[in-house]
């Protein structure tokens, strides 16, 4: 006795599932935020260390807005909570789209989601530990004589968040290349042929995403080029594997 196929989920069911996944993601971020909000001032102090370490002796950061001493650490803690909860958020996204994927797609998506998370964290760490000390030391050294450096805490927060997102997104280049080659948008050979344009494009992106100084632009462009090469190499292995599998399947037929 054959069993009838299960009815496909309706649009309402998909929307309900999407709502539940979004609510769980928001709840996960809020839970992390509640755990960190008590340490908001300490977190801001830690993030401000690269600037404070390069400021002239006797200078300090200032707050030009009445509410800045509260809202700046609060905003930073909220963004940090999103960063920390990102694996859980990605898991919710994965759980939503997984039922509609083929088995070979599932095998690729899971490593890509894990890899994209680690690369994003790596980009933030690269910016904090390597880029910030160099950039802030450069800015402090070129200040005109007689100018007292006293950075506003809100301006500093906006500056570092911009760089965090820029470097975090730039470190996703290998994932983007693998996805483009996987979907057939391009091939590793085509990307290699366009390498001179990629080099120019990396420095243009570095100019647009970083402050107007050659140091931070270069420190963003060079990792982008290295990650581009890594992505092309990985995509080459993946395409080679796909070609071999297609030949084997054609031979079986």
Protein backbone atom coordinates (compact mmCIF):
# COMPACT_ATOMS: atom_id res chain seq x y z
CA UNK A 1 0.00 0.00 0.00
CA UNK A 2 1.60 3.23 -1.17
CA UNK A 3 1.55 6.29 1.00
CA UNK A 4 0.41 9.61 -0.35
CA UNK A 5 3.06 12.30 -0.65
CA UNK A 6 3.08 14.90 2.10
CA UNK A 7 1.41 18.14 1.06
CA UNK A 8 3.78 20.99 0.39
CA UNK A 9 3.87 23.81 2.89
CA UNK A 10 1.79 26.86 2.05
CA UNK A 11 3.07 30.40 1.77
CA UNK A 12 1.53 31.16 5.15
CA UNK A 13 3.50 28.29 6.73
CA UNK A 14 6.74 29.64 5.26
CA UNK A 15 6.00 33.15 6.53
CA UNK A 16 5.17 31.77 9.96
CA UNK A 17 8.43 29.80 10.00
CA UNK A 18 10.36 32.90 8.89
CA UNK A 19 8.77 34.96 11.66
CA UNK A 20 9.70 32.36 14.27
CA UNK A 21 13.30 32.22 13.03
CA UNK A 22 13.58 36.02 13.10
CA UNK A 23 12.15 36.18 16.61
CA UNK A 24 14.61 33.54 17.80
CA UNK A 25 17.48 35.47 16.22
CA UNK A 26 16.42 38.71 17.90
CA UNK A 27 15.96 36.89 21.20
CA UNK A 28 19.44 35.40 20.93
CA UNK A 29 20.97 38.85 20.36
CA UNK A 30 19.00 40.29 23.29
CA UNK A 31 20.14 37.50 25.62
CA UNK A 32 23.79 38.19 24.76
CA UNK A 33 23.17 41.92 25.15
CA UNK A 34 21.64 41.45 28.60
CA UNK A 35 24.72 39.49 29.65
CA UNK A 36 27.09 42.20 28.38
CA UNK A 37 25.28 45.45 29.15
CA UNK A 38 26.61 45.55 32.72
CA UNK A 39 30.15 45.64 31.27
CA UNK A 40 29.33 48.29 28.62
CA UNK A 41 31.75 50.87 30.02
CA UNK A 42 34.56 48.31 30.29
CA UNK A 43 33.92 47.11 26.74
CA UNK A 44 34.15 50.64 25.39
CA UNK A 45 37.33 51.24 27.38
CA UNK A 46 38.87 48.11 25.84
CA UNK A 47 37.86 49.07 22.30
CA UNK A 48 39.26 52.58 22.84
CA UNK A 49 42.69 51.28 23.87
CA UNK A 50 44.27 51.47 20.37
CA UNK A 51 43.50 55.19 20.26
CA UNK A 52 44.32 55.94 23.90
CA UNK A 53 47.70 54.22 23.54
CA UNK A 54 48.74 56.57 20.72
CA UNK A 55 47.35 59.84 22.09
CA UNK A 56 49.85 62.34 23.52
CA UNK A 57 50.40 62.20 27.26
CA UNK A 58 47.84 64.23 29.14
CA UNK A 59 45.21 64.14 26.37
CA UNK A 60 41.96 62.25 26.65
CA UNK A 61 38.72 61.47 24.87
CA UNK A 62 35.74 63.78 25.33
CA UNK A 63 31.95 63.65 25.09
CA UNK A 64 30.44 66.62 23.26
CA UNK A 65 26.87 65.41 23.68
CA UNK A 66 25.15 65.15 27.05
CA UNK A 67 23.95 61.57 26.46
CA UNK A 68 27.11 60.29 24.71
CA UNK A 69 28.66 58.72 27.86
CA UNK A 70 25.62 56.45 28.04
CA UNK A 71 24.63 55.87 24.43
CA UNK A 72 28.11 55.25 22.96
CA UNK A 73 28.93 52.23 25.20
CA UNK A 74 25.30 51.08 24.86
CA UNK A 75 25.49 51.14 21.05
CA UNK A 76 28.87 49.38 21.03
CA UNK A 77 27.55 46.63 23.33
CA UNK A 78 24.52 46.11 21.11
CA UNK A 79 26.69 45.75 18.00
CA UNK A 80 29.05 43.41 19.86
CA UNK A 81 26.06 41.30 20.92
CA UNK A 82 25.07 40.94 17.28
CA UNK A 83 28.61 39.87 16.39
CA UNK A 84 28.73 37.28 19.16
CA UNK A 85 25.26 35.93 18.37
CA UNK A 86 26.02 35.72 14.65
CA UNK A 87 26.58 31.92 14.64
CA UNK A 88 23.14 31.44 16.22
CA UNK A 89 21.56 33.86 13.71
CA UNK A 90 23.20 32.01 10.82
CA UNK A 91 21.94 28.73 12.24
CA UNK A 92 18.38 30.11 12.16
CA UNK A 93 18.87 31.15 8.55
CA UNK A 94 20.25 27.71 7.74
CA UNK A 95 17.33 25.97 9.45
CA UNK A 96 14.90 28.02 7.37
CA UNK A 97 16.46 27.39 3.94
CA UNK A 98 17.78 23.85 4.51
CA UNK A 99 14.52 21.99 3.67
CA UNK A 100 14.58 23.45 0.15
CA UNK A 101 18.18 22.49 -0.62
CA UNK A 102 19.55 19.39 -2.33
CA UNK A 103 21.99 17.17 -0.46
CA UNK A 104 25.01 18.44 -2.42
CA UNK A 105 23.96 22.03 -1.70
CA UNK A 106 23.68 21.27 2.01
CA UNK A 107 27.21 19.85 2.01
CA UNK A 108 28.51 23.13 0.58
CA UNK A 109 26.35 25.62 2.49
CA UNK A 110 27.27 24.42 5.98
CA UNK A 111 31.07 24.89 5.54
CA UNK A 112 30.44 28.23 3.83
CA UNK A 113 28.35 29.51 6.73
CA UNK A 114 30.97 28.41 9.25
CA UNK A 115 33.77 29.82 7.12
CA UNK A 116 32.00 33.15 6.57
CA UNK A 117 31.54 33.58 10.32
CA UNK A 118 35.19 32.84 11.08
CA UNK A 119 36.36 35.13 8.28
CA UNK A 120 34.18 37.97 9.53
CA UNK A 121 35.62 37.58 13.04
CA UNK A 122 39.12 37.44 11.54
CA UNK A 123 38.52 40.71 9.69
CA UNK A 124 37.43 42.43 12.90
CA UNK A 125 40.45 41.07 14.79
CA UNK A 126 42.78 42.15 11.97
CA UNK A 127 41.37 45.68 12.12
CA UNK A 128 41.60 45.93 15.91
CA UNK A 129 45.03 44.40 16.51
CA UNK A 130 46.91 45.43 13.37
CA UNK A 131 45.19 48.31 11.59
CA UNK A 132 44.04 50.50 14.47
CA UNK A 133 47.45 50.90 16.17
CA UNK A 134 49.10 51.87 12.88
CA UNK A 135 46.35 54.22 11.73
CA UNK A 136 45.93 56.00 15.06
CA UNK A 137 49.68 56.38 15.49
CA UNK A 138 49.82 57.95 12.04
CA UNK A 139 46.96 60.36 12.77
CA UNK A 140 48.54 61.38 16.07
CA UNK A 141 51.94 61.99 14.47
CA UNK A 142 50.63 64.29 11.74
CA UNK A 143 48.58 66.54 14.03
CA UNK A 144 49.65 70.19 13.55
CA UNK A 145 51.67 71.79 16.31
CA UNK A 146 49.48 73.39 18.92
CA UNK A 147 46.48 71.16 18.18
CA UNK A 148 45.26 69.18 21.18
CA UNK A 149 43.94 65.73 20.28
CA UNK A 150 40.65 65.11 22.09
CA UNK A 151 38.50 62.68 20.13
CA UNK A 152 34.75 62.59 20.77
CA UNK A 153 33.64 59.15 21.98
CA UNK A 154 30.67 59.00 19.59
CA UNK A 155 32.83 59.97 16.60
CA UNK A 156 35.37 57.35 17.56
CA UNK A 157 32.67 54.70 17.83
CA UNK A 158 31.28 55.52 14.39
CA UNK A 159 34.81 55.43 12.98
CA UNK A 160 35.75 52.03 14.38
CA UNK A 161 32.38 50.43 13.54
CA UNK A 162 32.82 51.55 9.95
CA UNK A 163 36.25 49.91 9.84
CA UNK A 164 35.00 46.78 11.60
CA UNK A 165 32.29 46.29 9.01
CA UNK A 166 34.64 47.16 6.14
CA UNK A 167 37.30 44.63 7.16
CA UNK A 168 34.73 42.03 8.17
CA UNK A 169 33.03 42.30 4.78
CA UNK A 170 36.35 42.36 2.90
CA UNK A 171 37.42 39.11 4.53
CA UNK A 172 34.34 37.42 3.01
CA UNK A 173 35.94 37.58 -0.46
CA UNK A 174 36.81 33.83 -0.61
CA UNK A 175 33.19 32.95 0.22
CA UNK A 176 31.90 35.30 -2.48
CA UNK A 177 34.26 33.82 -5.07
CA UNK A 178 33.29 30.24 -4.23
CA UNK A 179 29.59 31.11 -4.48
CA UNK A 180 30.05 32.90 -7.82
CA UNK A 181 31.92 29.93 -9.28
CA UNK A 182 29.44 27.47 -7.78
CA UNK A 183 26.45 29.25 -9.32
CA UNK A 184 28.17 29.59 -12.71
CA UNK A 185 28.45 33.38 -12.68
CA UNK A 186 32.16 33.13 -13.40
CA UNK A 187 35.04 30.65 -13.36
CA UNK A 188 38.46 30.62 -11.69
CA UNK A 189 40.15 31.07 -15.08
CA UNK A 190 38.08 34.16 -15.83
CA UNK A 191 38.96 35.61 -12.43
CA UNK A 192 42.66 34.98 -13.03
CA UNK A 193 42.42 36.75 -16.38
CA UNK A 194 40.88 39.78 -14.67
CA UNK A 195 43.57 39.94 -11.97
CA UNK A 196 44.92 43.39 -13.03
CA UNK A 197 41.43 44.86 -12.75
CA UNK A 198 40.96 43.13 -9.38
CA UNK A 199 44.12 44.81 -8.06
CA UNK A 200 42.87 48.25 -9.10
CA UNK A 201 39.40 47.48 -7.74
CA UNK A 202 40.82 46.40 -4.36
CA UNK A 203 42.55 49.73 -3.88
CA UNK A 204 39.45 51.62 -5.04
CA UNK A 205 37.33 49.72 -2.50
CA UNK A 206 39.96 50.39 0.15
CA UNK A 207 39.75 54.09 -0.69
CA UNK A 208 35.94 54.10 -0.39
CA UNK A 209 35.64 52.04 2.79
CA UNK A 210 38.48 53.46 4.87
CA UNK A 211 39.55 56.95 6.03
CA UNK A 212 41.35 59.11 3.47
CA UNK A 213 44.86 57.92 4.26
CA UNK A 214 47.05 55.60 2.23
CA UNK A 215 47.96 53.42 5.23
CA UNK A 216 44.49 52.11 6.06
CA UNK A 217 43.63 51.86 2.36
CA UNK A 218 46.66 49.69 1.71
CA UNK A 219 46.11 47.59 4.83
CA UNK A 220 42.62 46.78 3.52
CA UNK A 221 43.55 46.29 -0.14
CA UNK A 222 46.44 43.87 0.45
CA UNK A 223 44.41 41.36 2.54
CA UNK A 224 41.65 41.60 -0.07
CA UNK A 225 44.09 40.59 -2.80
CA UNK A 226 45.47 37.73 -0.72
CA UNK A 227 41.97 36.50 0.07
CA UNK A 228 41.07 36.80 -3.61
CA UNK A 229 43.88 34.41 -4.49
CA UNK A 230 42.82 32.03 -1.72
CA UNK A 231 39.24 32.07 -3.00
CA UNK A 232 40.33 31.38 -6.57
CA UNK A 233 42.46 28.42 -5.44
CA UNK A 234 39.62 26.90 -3.41
CA UNK A 235 37.13 27.47 -6.23
CA UNK A 236 39.55 25.75 -8.64
CA UNK A 237 39.58 22.60 -6.52
CA UNK A 238 35.81 22.67 -6.24
CA UNK A 239 35.34 23.04 -10.00
CA UNK A 240 37.81 20.29 -10.69
CA UNK A 241 35.85 18.02 -8.37
CA UNK A 242 32.59 18.93 -10.11
CA UNK A 243 34.10 18.19 -13.53
CA UNK A 244 35.35 14.80 -12.37
CA UNK A 245 31.97 13.91 -10.90
CA UNK A 246 30.16 14.89 -14.11
CA UNK A 247 32.56 12.75 -16.17
CA UNK A 248 32.04 9.79 -13.85
CA UNK A 249 28.26 10.15 -13.98
CA UNK A 250 28.36 10.37 -17.77
CA UNK A 251 30.47 7.23 -17.89
CA UNK A 252 27.93 5.34 -15.79
CA UNK A 253 25.17 6.34 -18.19
